Amino acid sequence: MSVLITGSIAYDAVFSFAGAFGEQITRPVEPGFNTTFLTRAMRRDFGGCAGNIAVAMKRMGGEPLIWGAVGRDGGDYLEHFGREGIRTDGIGVFSNAYTAQCLIITDHTGAQIAAFHPGAAERTPQVRWPTDADGKEAQPAIAILSPGGRETTLFAAQACRAREIPYFFDVGQELPLFSAEELLDLAVGIIYSDSEAEAFEQKTQQSDADLAESGLIVVRTLGSRGARVWLPGERHAAFVPTVPIQKVRSPVGAGDAFRGGFLYALERGFSPVEAAQWGAVAAGRKVAGAGAQDYELTPQAAQLDFDQWFGKQSRK
């Protein structure tokens, strides 16, 4: 069965800053503030949360089904999906919009500053729901609502609820777009980073444990420090470590790769904690690559990594 992914399909322009942001921004940002980061390296990659998650899942051996949109410049991205073996029949093309774009600056500590333009991603509500080979509406086993704009996310949540598809809400950097009530009413599970979780708690007054106690699966990624998983009804988390990597090339897209591995395993019947371990395998492979999707991962390699770091376990 497939996993539905909504959110952005974007091009990433990634710049590398040799210094540290904190060394250059030494005073509070006030009106009129202006600074420029001199970057010696740049690359343009396929990216976007939905695209990154789908690629990781497919390379793990899963069947991602994207429901999204690209603009008039999205042809090469659709070809890229075709080469990866990812279905594109759930992706609309809008000639009067640009494909979503993300500009990312990373410093030597791994910190990131990003600017994101959703572009065609906001047109997803106008895209027909994906269908199966027989022409009937697809009924994915599970879904993830990754960042793609407020209206797109709310529309996707409503569409999934109408079809009784369980879904995870991926907060991303769009937290300010939603009210506390909307955030708490969206999903059966939530995935967010450490910093996103702190902002979420500040806005909703709900901690990870509070959310889990209310019945949600809660996954909090901690970057290079691993991840924590709360099961529904439990106030104590299980810790999932990262997979050791000899050389870290770029953190861009690691969180999305984690989500791809997590959903791949969850759809196959693994527990949320085991699924997070598969997510750690995908994220580990990703940080060894330069771009959000520029890394090597196969089902066989994922299995070897899992066996080495988490103990032998057959695929379900």
C-alpha atoms as a PDB file:
ATOM      1  CA  MET A   1       0.000   0.000   0.000  1.00  0.00           C
ATOM      2  CA  SER A   2       1.066   3.585  -0.532  1.00  0.00           C
ATOM      3  CA  VAL A   3       1.781   6.519   1.768  1.00  0.00           C
ATOM      4  CA  LEU A   4       0.295   9.895   0.826  1.00  0.00           C
ATOM      5  CA  ILE A   5       2.621  12.887   1.059  1.00  0.00           C
ATOM      6  CA  THR A   6       1.441  16.476   0.800  1.00  0.00           C
ATOM      7  CA  GLY A   7       3.595  19.588   0.939  1.00  0.00           C
ATOM      8  CA  SER A   8       6.140  21.370  -1.176  1.00  0.00           C
ATOM      9  CA  ILE A   9       7.983  20.140  -4.237  1.00  0.00           C
ATOM     10  CA  ALA A  10      10.733  22.718  -4.450  1.00  0.00           C
ATOM     11  CA  TYR A  11      14.077  23.698  -5.851  1.00  0.00           C
ATOM     12  CA  ASP A  12      16.733  24.345  -3.221  1.00  0.00           C
ATOM     13  CA  ALA A  13      19.508  26.897  -3.663  1.00  0.00           C
ATOM     14  CA  VAL A  14      22.016  26.032  -0.936  1.00  0.00           C
ATOM     15  CA  PHE A  15      24.822  28.404   0.036  1.00  0.00           C
ATOM     16  CA  SER A  16      27.711  27.568   2.375  1.00  0.00           C
ATOM     17  CA  PHE A  17      28.951  30.262   4.769  1.00  0.00           C
ATOM     18  CA  ALA A  18      32.437  29.586   6.148  1.00  0.00           C
ATOM     19  CA  GLY A  19      31.844  31.466   9.403  1.00  0.00           C
ATOM     20  CA  ALA A  20      29.222  31.184  12.123  1.00  0.00           C
ATOM     21  CA  PHE A  21      26.018  33.214  12.050  1.00  0.00           C
ATOM     22  CA  GLY A  22      26.496  34.182  15.693  1.00  0.00           C
ATOM     23  CA  GLU A  23      29.864  35.722  14.930  1.00  0.00           C
ATOM     24  CA  GLN A  24      28.361  38.058  12.342  1.00  0.00           C
ATOM     25  CA  ILE A  25      25.007  38.833  13.979  1.00  0.00           C
ATOM     26  CA  THR A  26      26.239  40.246  17.271  1.00  0.00           C
ATOM     27  CA  ARG A  27      23.369  42.591  18.124  1.00  0.00           C
ATOM     28  CA  PRO A  28      19.552  42.370  18.176  1.00  0.00           C
ATOM     29  CA  VAL A  29      17.893  42.561  14.777  1.00  0.00           C
ATOM     30  CA  GLU A  30      16.146  45.949  14.643  1.00  0.00           C
ATOM     31  CA  PRO A  31      14.402  47.968  11.875  1.00  0.00           C
ATOM     32  CA  GLY A  32      16.946  48.845   9.238  1.00  0.00           C
ATOM     33  CA  PHE A  33      19.204  45.894  10.117  1.00  0.00           C
ATOM     34  CA  ASN A  34      21.249  44.730   7.150  1.00  0.00           C
ATOM     35  CA  THR A  35      23.913  42.084   6.749  1.00  0.00           C
ATOM     36  CA  THR A  36      25.324  39.925   3.963  1.00  0.00           C
ATOM     37  CA  PHE A  37      26.817  36.466   4.290  1.00  0.00           C
ATOM     38  CA  LEU A  38      29.641  35.918   1.810  1.00  0.00           C
ATOM     39  CA  THR A  39      29.328  32.359   0.554  1.00  0.00           C
ATOM     40  CA  ARG A  40      32.042  30.588  -1.403  1.00  0.00           C
ATOM     41  CA  ALA A  41      29.990  27.575  -2.442  1.00  0.00           C
ATOM     42  CA  MET A  42      26.524  27.170  -3.925  1.00  0.00           C
ATOM     43  CA  ARG A  43      24.480  24.348  -5.346  1.00  0.00           C
ATOM     44  CA  ARG A  44      20.946  24.007  -6.726  1.00  0.00           C
ATOM     45  CA  ASP A  45      19.122  20.808  -5.908  1.00  0.00           C
ATOM     46  CA  PHE A  46      15.790  19.082  -6.060  1.00  0.00           C
ATOM     47  CA  GLY A  47      14.145  19.619  -2.691  1.00  0.00           C
ATOM     48  CA  GLY A  48      10.955  20.553  -0.884  1.00  0.00           C
ATOM     49  CA  CYS A  49       9.618  18.588   2.058  1.00  0.00           C
ATOM     50  CA  ALA A  50       7.247  16.401   0.049  1.00  0.00           C
ATOM     51  CA  GLY A  51       9.864  15.684  -2.609  1.00  0.00           C
ATOM     52  CA  ASN A  52      12.552  14.859  -0.070  1.00  0.00           C
ATOM     53  CA  ILE A  53      10.297  12.574   1.971  1.00  0.00           C
ATOM     54  CA  ALA A  54       9.090  10.759  -1.131  1.00  0.00           C
ATOM     55  CA  VAL A  55      12.600  10.148  -2.468  1.00  0.00           C
ATOM     56  CA  ALA A  56      13.829   8.754   0.861  1.00  0.00           C
ATOM     57  CA  MET A  57      10.798   6.506   1.165  1.00  0.00           C
ATOM     58  CA  LYS A  58      11.136   5.216  -2.389  1.00  0.00           C
ATOM     59  CA  ARG A  59      14.821   4.464  -1.959  1.00  0.00           C
ATOM     60  CA  MET A  60      13.998   2.522   1.216  1.00  0.00           C
ATOM     61  CA  GLY A  61      11.633   0.382  -0.859  1.00  0.00           C
ATOM     62  CA  GLY A  62       8.336   2.143  -0.129  1.00  0.00           C
ATOM     63  CA  GLU A  63       5.558   3.454  -2.361  1.00  0.00           C
ATOM     64  CA  PRO A  64       5.141   7.199  -1.876  1.00  0.00           C
ATOM     65  CA  LEU A  65       2.164   8.947  -3.452  1.00  0.00           C
ATOM     66  CA  ILE A  66       2.607  12.706  -3.717  1.00  0.00           C
ATOM     67  CA  TRP A  67      -0.358  15.033  -3.826  1.00  0.00           C
ATOM     68  CA  GLY A  68       1.053  18.415  -4.769  1.00  0.00           C
ATOM     69  CA  ALA A  69       1.839  20.900  -7.500  1.00  0.00           C
ATOM     70  CA  VAL A  70       4.683  22.371  -9.538  1.00  0.00           C
ATOM     71  CA  GLY A  71       4.875  25.457 -11.743  1.00  0.00           C
ATOM     72  CA  ARG A  72       5.917  26.151 -15.304  1.00  0.00           C
ATOM     73  CA  ASP A  73       9.535  25.415 -14.390  1.00  0.00           C
ATOM     74  CA  GLY A  74       8.766  22.004 -12.872  1.00  0.00           C
ATOM     75  CA  GLY A  75       9.285  19.756 -15.884  1.00  0.00           C
ATOM     76  CA  ASP A  76      12.751  18.554 -14.946  1.00  0.00           C
ATOM     77  CA  TYR A  77      11.557  17.766 -11.417  1.00  0.00           C
ATOM     78  CA  LEU A  78       8.794  15.540 -12.800  1.00  0.00           C
ATOM     79  CA  GLU A  79      11.399  13.805 -14.960  1.00  0.00           C
ATOM     80  CA  HIS A  80      13.531  13.352 -11.847  1.00  0.00           C
ATOM     81  CA  PHE A  81      10.617  11.669 -10.066  1.00  0.00           C
ATOM     82  CA  GLY A  82      10.185   9.420 -13.083  1.00  0.00           C
ATOM     83  CA  ARG A  83      13.815   8.309 -12.875  1.00  0.00           C
ATOM     84  CA  GLU A  84      13.306   7.548  -9.167  1.00  0.00           C
ATOM     85  CA  GLY A  85      10.210   5.488  -9.969  1.00  0.00           C
ATOM     86  CA  ILE A  86       7.893   7.861  -8.086  1.00  0.00           C
ATOM     87  CA  ARG A  87       4.364   8.327  -9.393  1.00  0.00           C
ATOM     88  CA  THR A  88       3.482  11.812 -10.622  1.00  0.00           C
ATOM     89  CA  ASP A  89      -0.208  11.438 -11.439  1.00  0.00           C
ATOM     90  CA  GLY A  90      -1.083  13.231  -8.174  1.00  0.00           C
ATOM     91  CA  ILE A  91       1.001  16.290  -9.081  1.00  0.00           C
ATOM     92  CA  GLY A  92      -0.645  19.228 -10.851  1.00  0.00           C
ATOM     93  CA  VAL A  93       1.247  21.568 -13.195  1.00  0.00           C
ATOM     94  CA  PHE A  94       0.369  25.280 -13.196  1.00  0.00           C
ATOM     95  CA  SER A  95       1.763  27.357 -16.045  1.00  0.00           C
ATOM     96  CA  ASN A  96       1.036  30.674 -14.292  1.00  0.00           C
ATOM     97  CA  ALA A  97       3.128  29.948 -11.191  1.00  0.00           C
ATOM     98  CA  TYR A  98       6.672  29.013 -10.251  1.00  0.00           C
ATOM     99  CA  THR A  99       7.600  25.776  -8.548  1.00  0.00           C
ATOM    100  CA  ALA A 100       8.259  26.342  -4.853  1.00  0.00           C
ATOM    101  CA  GLN A 101      11.741  27.703  -4.138  1.00  0.00           C
ATOM    102  CA  CYS A 102      13.890  27.542  -1.006  1.00  0.00           C
ATOM    103  CA  LEU A 103      17.053  29.537  -0.383  1.00  0.00           C
ATOM    104  CA  ILE A 104      19.193  28.028   2.370  1.00  0.00           C
ATOM    105  CA  ILE A 105      22.381  29.340   3.948  1.00  0.00           C
ATOM    106  CA  THR A 106      24.341  27.001   6.212  1.00  0.00           C
ATOM    107  CA  ASP A 107      27.283  27.995   8.392  1.00  0.00           C
ATOM    108  CA  HIS A 108      30.202  25.847   9.501  1.00  0.00           C
ATOM    109  CA  THR A 109      28.347  24.778  12.675  1.00  0.00           C
ATOM    110  CA  GLY A 110      25.480  23.288  10.671  1.00  0.00           C
ATOM    111  CA  ALA A 111      23.062  26.096  11.565  1.00  0.00           C
ATOM    112  CA  GLN A 112      20.677  27.171   8.791  1.00  0.00           C
ATOM    113  CA  ILE A 113      18.847  30.301   7.677  1.00  0.00           C
ATOM    114  CA  ALA A 114      16.206  29.753   5.012  1.00  0.00           C
ATOM    115  CA  ALA A 115      13.744  31.744   2.901  1.00  0.00           C
ATOM    116  CA  PHE A 116      10.895  29.819   1.305  1.00  0.00           C
ATOM    117  CA  HIS A 117       8.436  30.750  -1.457  1.00  0.00           C
ATOM    118  CA  PRO A 118       5.597  28.167  -1.693  1.00  0.00           C
ATOM    119  CA  GLY A 119       4.668  29.079  -5.253  1.00  0.00           C
ATOM    120  CA  ALA A 120       2.613  26.388  -6.958  1.00  0.00           C
ATOM    121  CA  ALA A 121       2.442  24.349  -3.742  1.00  0.00           C
ATOM    122  CA  GLU A 122      -0.383  26.617  -2.609  1.00  0.00           C
ATOM    123  CA  ARG A 123      -2.425  25.463  -5.607  1.00  0.00           C
ATOM    124  CA  THR A 124      -2.587  21.862  -4.396  1.00  0.00           C
ATOM    125  CA  PRO A 125      -6.276  22.166  -3.371  1.00  0.00           C
ATOM    126  CA  GLN A 126      -7.010  22.561  -7.091  1.00  0.00           C
ATOM    127  CA  VAL A 127      -5.296  19.261  -7.932  1.00  0.00           C
ATOM    128  CA  ARG A 128      -7.453  16.175  -8.357  1.00  0.00           C
ATOM    129  CA  TRP A 129      -7.061  13.514  -5.672  1.00  0.00           C
ATOM    130  CA  PRO A 130      -4.687  10.759  -6.883  1.00  0.00           C
ATOM    131  CA  THR A 131      -6.177   7.598  -8.341  1.00  0.00           C
ATOM    132  CA  ASP A 132      -5.209   3.932  -8.420  1.00  0.00           C
ATOM    133  CA  ALA A 133      -4.408   2.007 -11.585  1.00  0.00           C
ATOM    134  CA  ASP A 134      -8.094   1.172 -12.018  1.00  0.00           C
ATOM    135  CA  GLY A 135      -9.056   4.852 -11.923  1.00  0.00           C
ATOM    136  CA  LYS A 136     -10.592   4.788  -8.452  1.00  0.00           C
ATOM    137  CA  GLU A 137      -9.568   7.225  -5.734  1.00  0.00           C
ATOM    138  CA  ALA A 138      -6.374   6.124  -4.023  1.00  0.00           C
ATOM    139  CA  GLN A 139      -6.760   5.001  -0.409  1.00  0.00           C
ATOM    140  CA  PRO A 140      -3.284   5.276   1.131  1.00  0.00           C
ATOM    141  CA  ALA A 141      -2.572   3.463   4.380  1.00  0.00           C
ATOM    142  CA  ILE A 142      -1.226   6.609   6.035  1.00  0.00           C
ATOM    143  CA  ALA A 143      -0.355  10.204   5.149  1.00  0.00           C
ATOM    144  CA  ILE A 144       1.938  13.010   6.204  1.00  0.00           C
ATOM    145  CA  LEU A 145       1.064  16.681   5.848  1.00  0.00           C
ATOM    146  CA  SER A 146       4.439  18.328   5.381  1.00  0.00           C
ATOM    147  CA  PRO A 147       4.907  22.107   5.016  1.00  0.00           C
ATOM    148  CA  GLY A 148       3.250  23.521   1.909  1.00  0.00           C
ATOM    149  CA  GLY A 149       1.277  26.555   3.052  1.00  0.00           C
ATOM    150  CA  ARG A 150      -1.592  27.104   5.465  1.00  0.00           C
ATOM    151  CA  GLU A 151      -4.542  26.548   3.130  1.00  0.00           C
ATOM    152  CA  THR A 152      -2.952  23.522   1.491  1.00  0.00           C
ATOM    153  CA  THR A 153      -2.292  21.896   4.860  1.00  0.00           C
ATOM    154  CA  LEU A 154      -5.781  22.530   6.194  1.00  0.00           C
ATOM    155  CA  PHE A 155      -7.350  21.343   2.938  1.00  0.00           C
ATOM    156  CA  ALA A 156      -5.242  18.185   2.958  1.00  0.00           C
ATOM    157  CA  ALA A 157      -6.211  17.470   6.569  1.00  0.00           C
ATOM    158  CA  GLN A 158      -9.885  17.797   5.688  1.00  0.00           C
ATOM    159  CA  ALA A 159      -9.458  15.573   2.623  1.00  0.00           C
ATOM    160  CA  CYS A 160      -7.731  12.864   4.670  1.00  0.00           C
ATOM    161  CA  ARG A 161     -10.349  12.986   7.405  1.00  0.00           C
ATOM    162  CA  ALA A 162     -13.123  12.670   4.815  1.00  0.00           C
ATOM    163  CA  ARG A 163     -11.447   9.505   3.491  1.00  0.00           C
ATOM    164  CA  GLU A 164     -10.554   8.196   6.970  1.00  0.00           C
ATOM    165  CA  ILE A 165      -6.832   8.230   6.233  1.00  0.00           C
ATOM    166  CA  PRO A 166      -4.711   8.554   9.408  1.00  0.00           C
ATOM    167  CA  TYR A 167      -2.083  11.240   9.066  1.00  0.00           C
ATOM    168  CA  PHE A 168       0.858  12.919  10.736  1.00  0.00           C
ATOM    169  CA  PHE A 169       1.215  16.654  10.935  1.00  0.00           C
ATOM    170  CA  ASP A 170       4.746  17.808  10.099  1.00  0.00           C
ATOM    171  CA  VAL A 171       5.014  21.261  11.681  1.00  0.00           C
ATOM    172  CA  GLY A 172       8.107  22.460   9.842  1.00  0.00           C
ATOM    173  CA  GLN A 173       8.751  26.190   9.851  1.00  0.00           C
ATOM    174  CA  GLU A 174       5.101  27.077   9.243  1.00  0.00           C
ATOM    175  CA  LEU A 175       4.099  27.137  12.914  1.00  0.00           C
ATOM    176  CA  PRO A 176       3.174  30.865  12.841  1.00  0.00           C
ATOM    177  CA  LEU A 177       0.555  30.183  10.138  1.00  0.00           C
ATOM    178  CA  PHE A 178      -1.706  28.183  12.451  1.00  0.00           C
ATOM    179  CA  SER A 179      -3.664  28.903  15.595  1.00  0.00           C
ATOM    180  CA  ALA A 180      -3.190  26.729  18.647  1.00  0.00           C
ATOM    181  CA  GLU A 181      -6.643  25.216  18.126  1.00  0.00           C
ATOM    182  CA  GLU A 182      -5.870  24.271  14.525  1.00  0.00           C
ATOM    183  CA  LEU A 183      -2.570  22.709  15.476  1.00  0.00           C
ATOM    184  CA  LEU A 184      -4.080  20.536  18.178  1.00  0.00           C
ATOM    185  CA  ASP A 185      -6.995  19.486  15.967  1.00  0.00           C
ATOM    186  CA  LEU A 186      -5.060  18.348  12.914  1.00  0.00           C
ATOM    187  CA  ALA A 187      -3.481  14.961  13.349  1.00  0.00           C
ATOM    188  CA  VAL A 188      -3.236  11.558  14.986  1.00  0.00           C
ATOM    189  CA  GLY A 189       0.515  12.048  15.183  1.00  0.00           C
ATOM    190  CA  ILE A 190       2.981  14.907  15.059  1.00  0.00           C
ATOM    191  CA  ILE A 191       6.595  15.127  13.917  1.00  0.00           C
ATOM    192  CA  TYR A 192       8.764  18.141  14.657  1.00  0.00           C
ATOM    193  CA  SER A 193      12.340  19.175  15.325  1.00  0.00           C
ATOM    194  CA  ASP A 194      13.686  20.228  18.712  1.00  0.00           C
ATOM    195  CA  SER A 195      13.334  23.951  18.009  1.00  0.00           C
ATOM    196  CA  GLU A 196       9.899  23.495  16.415  1.00  0.00           C
ATOM    197  CA  ALA A 197       8.743  21.529  19.454  1.00  0.00           C
ATOM    198  CA  GLU A 198       9.799  24.335  21.787  1.00  0.00           C
ATOM    199  CA  ALA A 199       7.910  26.900  19.698  1.00  0.00           C
ATOM    200  CA  PHE A 200       4.908  24.574  19.506  1.00  0.00           C
ATOM    201  CA  GLU A 201       4.794  24.199  23.285  1.00  0.00           C
ATOM    202  CA  GLN A 202       5.101  27.942  23.770  1.00  0.00           C
ATOM    203  CA  LYS A 203       2.182  28.536  21.428  1.00  0.00           C
ATOM    204  CA  THR A 204      -0.119  25.741  22.614  1.00  0.00           C
ATOM    205  CA  GLN A 205       1.018  25.203  26.219  1.00  0.00           C
ATOM    206  CA  GLN A 206       1.179  21.507  25.367  1.00  0.00           C
ATOM    207  CA  SER A 207       4.389  19.538  25.921  1.00  0.00           C
ATOM    208  CA  ASP A 208       5.434  16.392  24.067  1.00  0.00           C
ATOM    209  CA  ALA A 209       4.132  14.278  26.945  1.00  0.00           C
ATOM    210  CA  ASP A 210       0.861  16.230  27.072  1.00  0.00           C
ATOM    211  CA  LEU A 211       0.269  15.556  23.372  1.00  0.00           C
ATOM    212  CA  ALA A 212       1.061  11.870  23.789  1.00  0.00           C
ATOM    213  CA  GLU A 213      -1.225  11.622  26.803  1.00  0.00           C
ATOM    214  CA  SER A 214      -4.028  13.054  24.655  1.00  0.00           C
ATOM    215  CA  GLY A 215      -3.609  10.125  22.245  1.00  0.00           C
ATOM    216  CA  LEU A 216      -1.028  11.286  19.684  1.00  0.00           C
ATOM    217  CA  ILE A 217       2.153   9.624  18.490  1.00  0.00           C
ATOM    218  CA  VAL A 218       4.829  12.266  19.043  1.00  0.00           C
ATOM    219  CA  VAL A 219       8.197  12.200  17.269  1.00  0.00           C
ATOM    220  CA  ARG A 220      10.741  14.857  18.227  1.00  0.00           C
ATOM    221  CA  THR A 221      13.925  14.872  16.149  1.00  0.00           C
ATOM    222  CA  LEU A 222      17.044  16.197  17.861  1.00  0.00           C
ATOM    223  CA  GLY A 223      19.409  16.585  14.916  1.00  0.00           C
ATOM    224  CA  SER A 224      22.767  14.967  15.584  1.00  0.00           C
ATOM    225  CA  ARG A 225      21.519  13.904  19.046  1.00  0.00           C
ATOM    226  CA  GLY A 226      18.938  11.448  17.724  1.00  0.00           C
ATOM    227  CA  ALA A 227      15.176  11.458  18.302  1.00  0.00           C
ATOM    228  CA  ARG A 228      12.589  10.813  20.991  1.00  0.00           C
ATOM    229  CA  VAL A 229       9.298   9.005  20.464  1.00  0.00           C
ATOM    230  CA  TRP A 230       6.251   9.201  22.712  1.00  0.00           C
ATOM    231  CA  LEU A 231       3.563   6.560  22.261  1.00  0.00           C
ATOM    232  CA  PRO A 232      -0.126   7.425  22.773  1.00  0.00           C
ATOM    233  CA  GLY A 233      -0.991   7.589  26.457  1.00  0.00           C
ATOM    234  CA  GLU A 234       2.622   7.561  27.657  1.00  0.00           C
ATOM    235  CA  ARG A 235       4.476  10.424  29.333  1.00  0.00           C
ATOM    236  CA  HIS A 236       7.944   8.929  28.938  1.00  0.00           C
ATOM    237  CA  ALA A 237       9.762   8.828  25.608  1.00  0.00           C
ATOM    238  CA  ALA A 238      11.873   6.172  23.946  1.00  0.00           C
ATOM    239  CA  PHE A 239      15.234   7.446  22.719  1.00  0.00           C
ATOM    240  CA  VAL A 240      16.479   6.589  19.225  1.00  0.00           C
ATOM    241  CA  PRO A 241      20.157   7.421  18.548  1.00  0.00           C
ATOM    242  CA  THR A 242      21.578   8.597  15.262  1.00  0.00           C
ATOM    243  CA  VAL A 243      23.465   6.254  12.980  1.00  0.00           C
ATOM    244  CA  PRO A 244      27.218   7.045  13.158  1.00  0.00           C
ATOM    245  CA  ILE A 245      28.574   8.645   9.993  1.00  0.00           C
ATOM    246  CA  GLN A 246      32.251   8.869   9.085  1.00  0.00           C
ATOM    247  CA  LYS A 247      31.883  12.196   7.267  1.00  0.00           C
ATOM    248  CA  VAL A 248      28.953  14.586   7.514  1.00  0.00           C
ATOM    249  CA  ARG A 249      28.649  16.584   4.286  1.00  0.00           C
ATOM    250  CA  SER A 250      25.350  18.447   4.728  1.00  0.00           C
ATOM    251  CA  PRO A 251      22.389  18.403   7.162  1.00  0.00           C
ATOM    252  CA  VAL A 252      19.999  19.817   4.522  1.00  0.00           C
ATOM    253  CA  GLY A 253      17.090  17.409   4.079  1.00  0.00           C
ATOM    254  CA  ALA A 254      18.097  15.039   6.898  1.00  0.00           C
ATOM    255  CA  GLY A 255      14.836  15.609   8.753  1.00  0.00           C
ATOM    256  CA  ASP A 256      12.837  14.817   5.621  1.00  0.00           C
ATOM    257  CA  ALA A 257      14.869  11.662   5.022  1.00  0.00           C
ATOM    258  CA  PHE A 258      14.104  10.631   8.602  1.00  0.00           C
ATOM    259  CA  ARG A 259      10.404  11.112   7.905  1.00  0.00           C
ATOM    260  CA  GLY A 260      10.645   9.049   4.738  1.00  0.00           C
ATOM    261  CA  GLY A 261      12.250   6.152   6.577  1.00  0.00           C
ATOM    262  CA  PHE A 262       9.837   6.496   9.489  1.00  0.00           C
ATOM    263  CA  LEU A 263       6.740   6.364   7.286  1.00  0.00           C
ATOM    264  CA  TYR A 264       8.155   3.549   5.166  1.00  0.00           C
ATOM    265  CA  ALA A 265       8.507   1.382   8.284  1.00  0.00           C
ATOM    266  CA  LEU A 266       5.308   2.492  10.004  1.00  0.00           C
ATOM    267  CA  GLU A 267       3.223   1.594   6.946  1.00  0.00           C
ATOM    268  CA  ARG A 268       4.783  -1.873   7.021  1.00  0.00           C
ATOM    269  CA  GLY A 269       3.644  -2.551  10.551  1.00  0.00           C
ATOM    270  CA  PHE A 270       6.684  -1.605  12.603  1.00  0.00           C
ATOM    271  CA  SER A 271       6.080   0.154  15.909  1.00  0.00           C
ATOM    272  CA  PRO A 272       6.647   3.940  16.029  1.00  0.00           C
ATOM    273  CA  VAL A 273       9.928   3.410  17.894  1.00  0.00           C
ATOM    274  CA  GLU A 274      11.155   0.849  15.362  1.00  0.00           C
ATOM    275  CA  ALA A 275       9.996   3.152  12.565  1.00  0.00           C
ATOM    276  CA  ALA A 276      12.087   5.962  14.059  1.00  0.00           C
ATOM    277  CA  GLN A 277      15.096   3.638  13.920  1.00  0.00           C
ATOM    278  CA  TRP A 278      14.506   3.132  10.199  1.00  0.00           C
ATOM    279  CA  GLY A 279      14.198   6.919   9.979  1.00  0.00           C
ATOM    280  CA  ALA A 280      17.596   7.268  11.623  1.00  0.00           C
ATOM    281  CA  VAL A 281      19.062   4.944   8.989  1.00  0.00           C
ATOM    282  CA  ALA A 282      17.703   7.094   6.148  1.00  0.00           C
ATOM    283  CA  ALA A 283      18.848  10.328   7.817  1.00  0.00           C
ATOM    284  CA  GLY A 284      22.321   8.902   8.344  1.00  0.00           C
ATOM    285  CA  ARG A 285      22.657   8.093   4.665  1.00  0.00           C
ATOM    286  CA  LYS A 286      21.399  11.561   3.764  1.00  0.00           C
ATOM    287  CA  VAL A 287      23.853  13.616   5.845  1.00  0.00           C
ATOM    288  CA  ALA A 288      26.692  11.817   4.050  1.00  0.00           C
ATOM    289  CA  GLY A 289      25.458  13.428   0.812  1.00  0.00           C
ATOM    290  CA  ALA A 290      25.801  17.030  -0.322  1.00  0.00           C
ATOM    291  CA  GLY A 291      22.200  17.799  -1.316  1.00  0.00           C
ATOM    292  CA  ALA A 292      18.726  17.092   0.028  1.00  0.00           C
ATOM    293  CA  GLN A 293      18.357  14.174  -2.400  1.00  0.00           C
ATOM    294  CA  ASP A 294      21.966  13.679  -3.474  1.00  0.00           C
ATOM    295  CA  TYR A 295      22.828  10.563  -1.489  1.00  0.00           C
ATOM    296  CA  GLU A 296      22.981   6.812  -1.947  1.00  0.00           C
ATOM    297  CA  LEU A 297      20.338   4.625  -0.341  1.00  0.00           C
ATOM    298  CA  THR A 298      18.946   1.241  -1.352  1.00  0.00           C
ATOM    299  CA  PRO A 299      16.718  -1.249   0.486  1.00  0.00           C
ATOM    300  CA  GLN A 300      19.722  -3.539   0.876  1.00  0.00           C
ATOM    301  CA  ALA A 301      21.939  -0.782   2.291  1.00  0.00           C
ATOM    302  CA  ALA A 302      19.180   0.318   4.668  1.00  0.00           C
ATOM    303  CA  GLN A 303      18.793  -3.245   5.943  1.00  0.00           C
ATOM    304  CA  LEU A 304      22.545  -3.588   6.520  1.00  0.00           C
ATOM    305  CA  ASP A 305      22.660  -0.290   8.420  1.00  0.00           C
ATOM    306  CA  PHE A 306      19.661  -1.263  10.517  1.00  0.00           C
ATOM    307  CA  ASP A 307      21.125  -4.669  11.367  1.00  0.00           C
ATOM    308  CA  GLN A 308      24.450  -3.097  12.343  1.00  0.00           C
ATOM    309  CA  TRP A 309      23.137  -0.313  14.560  1.00  0.00           C
ATOM    310  CA  PHE A 310      19.790  -1.560  15.856  1.00  0.00           C
ATOM    311  CA  GLY A 311      20.070  -5.337  15.722  1.00  0.00           C
ATOM    312  CA  LYS A 312      18.945  -7.802  13.102  1.00  0.00           C
ATOM    313  CA  GLN A 313      15.298  -7.477  12.219  1.00  0.00           C
ATOM    314  CA  SER A 314      13.530  -8.683   9.095  1.00  0.00           C
ATOM    315  CA  ARG A 315      11.468  -6.368   6.948  1.00  0.00           C
ATOM    316  CA  LYS A 316       7.743  -6.702   7.347  1.00  0.00           C
END
